[in-house]
Amino acid sequence: MEDILELLDKAKEKLTNLSMEDVFPLMRKYNIDDVKELCISVGIYLGAIIFFVIVIFALGWIPVLGVIMKIISFIVIIYGTVGIFASLLTYMKYN
C-alpha cells in the first residue's frame, strides 16, 4: 500500500511540474518567437490533422480497424488543435 501511495505522489509531482514544452515538444524544437518557425510548427500540426482525417475516410468503413482508427484520429486531431492554439498563444504572449 505504501508503494502505491509513493507512486501516486511521484506521478502527482511530475504532473504538477509539466511545462508547455513537455506537452508540446515542437515548441522546444522550433523557436515560436520567429514567424517562419511558427508557421512550420502550425503546418506540422495541420498536416497531422489532415492526414488523420484522410485515415478516417480511408479506413473508417472497416469494422474493427475503423473504430480503432477513429479513436486514434480523434485523439490526434484534438492534440493537433490544442497544439496549434498553444503555439499561437505562445507567439502572441512573447511578441
Protein backbone atom coordinates (compact mmCIF):
# COMPACT_ATOMS: atom_id res chain seq x y z
CA MET A 1 0.00 0.00 0.00
CA GLU A 2 2.85 2.39 0.78
CA ASP A 3 4.39 1.69 -2.62
CA ILE A 4 1.19 2.71 -4.36
CA LEU A 5 0.96 5.94 -2.35
CA GLU A 6 4.60 6.71 -3.12
CA LEU A 7 3.99 6.05 -6.82
CA LEU A 8 0.94 8.33 -6.79
CA ASP A 9 2.94 11.08 -5.08
CA LYS A 10 5.67 10.83 -7.73
CA ALA A 11 3.09 10.96 -10.52
CA LYS A 12 1.40 13.97 -8.91
CA GLU A 13 4.75 15.76 -8.59
CA LYS A 14 5.62 15.08 -12.23
CA LEU A 15 2.23 16.26 -13.50
CA THR A 16 2.35 19.49 -11.48
CA ASN A 17 5.81 20.35 -12.86
CA LEU A 18 4.91 19.99 -16.56
CA SER A 19 5.64 22.87 -18.89
CA MET A 20 4.29 23.63 -22.36
CA GLU A 21 7.47 22.24 -23.92
CA ASP A 22 6.90 18.90 -22.16
CA VAL A 23 3.39 18.54 -23.53
CA PHE A 24 4.09 20.00 -26.99
CA PRO A 25 7.71 19.14 -27.92
CA LEU A 26 7.53 21.09 -31.19
CA MET A 27 7.75 24.26 -29.09
CA ARG A 28 11.16 23.09 -27.90
CA LYS A 29 12.39 22.24 -31.40
CA TYR A 30 11.07 25.33 -33.19
CA ASN A 31 11.50 28.78 -31.69
CA ILE A 32 7.97 30.14 -31.60
CA ASP A 33 9.28 33.74 -31.45
CA ASP A 34 10.11 33.58 -35.17
CA VAL A 35 7.19 33.78 -37.60
CA LYS A 36 8.74 31.31 -40.04
CA GLU A 37 9.21 28.65 -37.38
CA LEU A 38 5.73 29.35 -36.01
CA CYS A 39 4.33 28.63 -39.49
CA ILE A 40 6.37 25.41 -39.68
CA SER A 41 5.04 24.30 -36.29
CA VAL A 42 1.43 25.10 -37.20
CA GLY A 43 1.95 23.38 -40.57
CA ILE A 44 3.13 20.18 -38.89
CA TYR A 45 0.09 20.14 -36.62
CA LEU A 46 -2.22 20.84 -39.59
CA GLY A 47 -0.51 18.12 -41.62
CA ALA A 48 -1.13 15.59 -38.85
CA ILE A 49 -4.77 16.64 -38.59
CA ILE A 50 -5.30 16.39 -42.36
CA PHE A 51 -3.54 13.01 -42.51
CA PHE A 52 -5.75 11.51 -39.81
CA VAL A 53 -8.92 12.91 -41.36
CA ILE A 54 -7.90 11.10 -44.55
CA VAL A 55 -7.25 7.95 -42.49
CA ILE A 56 -10.78 8.19 -41.06
CA PHE A 57 -12.26 8.34 -44.57
CA ALA A 58 -9.97 5.63 -45.94
CA LEU A 59 -10.23 3.09 -43.11
CA GLY A 60 -13.43 4.12 -41.37
CA TRP A 61 -15.57 1.58 -43.19
CA ILE A 62 -13.62 -1.46 -41.87
CA PRO A 63 -15.50 -2.64 -38.75
CA VAL A 64 -12.83 -3.18 -36.08
CA LEU A 65 -9.92 -1.29 -37.63
CA GLY A 66 -12.21 1.64 -38.42
CA VAL A 67 -13.23 2.04 -34.78
CA ILE A 68 -9.61 1.88 -33.62
CA MET A 69 -8.52 4.41 -36.26
CA LYS A 70 -11.40 6.74 -35.36
CA ILE A 71 -10.34 6.71 -31.71
CA ILE A 72 -6.69 7.35 -32.56
CA SER A 73 -7.65 10.01 -35.09
CA PHE A 74 -9.89 11.77 -32.60
CA ILE A 75 -7.03 11.94 -30.07
CA VAL A 76 -4.55 13.23 -32.68
CA ILE A 77 -7.00 15.81 -34.03
CA ILE A 78 -7.69 17.18 -30.54
CA TYR A 79 -3.94 17.20 -29.73
CA GLY A 80 -3.15 18.98 -33.01
CA THR A 81 -5.84 21.59 -32.49
CA VAL A 82 -4.69 22.33 -28.96
CA GLY A 83 -1.08 22.40 -30.19
CA ILE A 84 -1.94 24.98 -32.84
CA PHE A 85 -3.66 27.21 -30.32
CA ALA A 86 -0.82 26.76 -27.81
CA SER A 87 1.74 27.76 -30.44
CA LEU A 88 -0.25 30.81 -31.48
CA LEU A 89 -0.93 31.91 -27.91
CA THR A 90 2.74 31.48 -27.00
CA TYR A 91 3.72 33.57 -30.01
CA MET A 92 1.21 36.27 -29.03
CA LYS A 93 2.47 36.21 -25.43
CA TYR A 94 6.09 36.90 -26.35
CA ASN A 95 5.58 39.25 -29.32
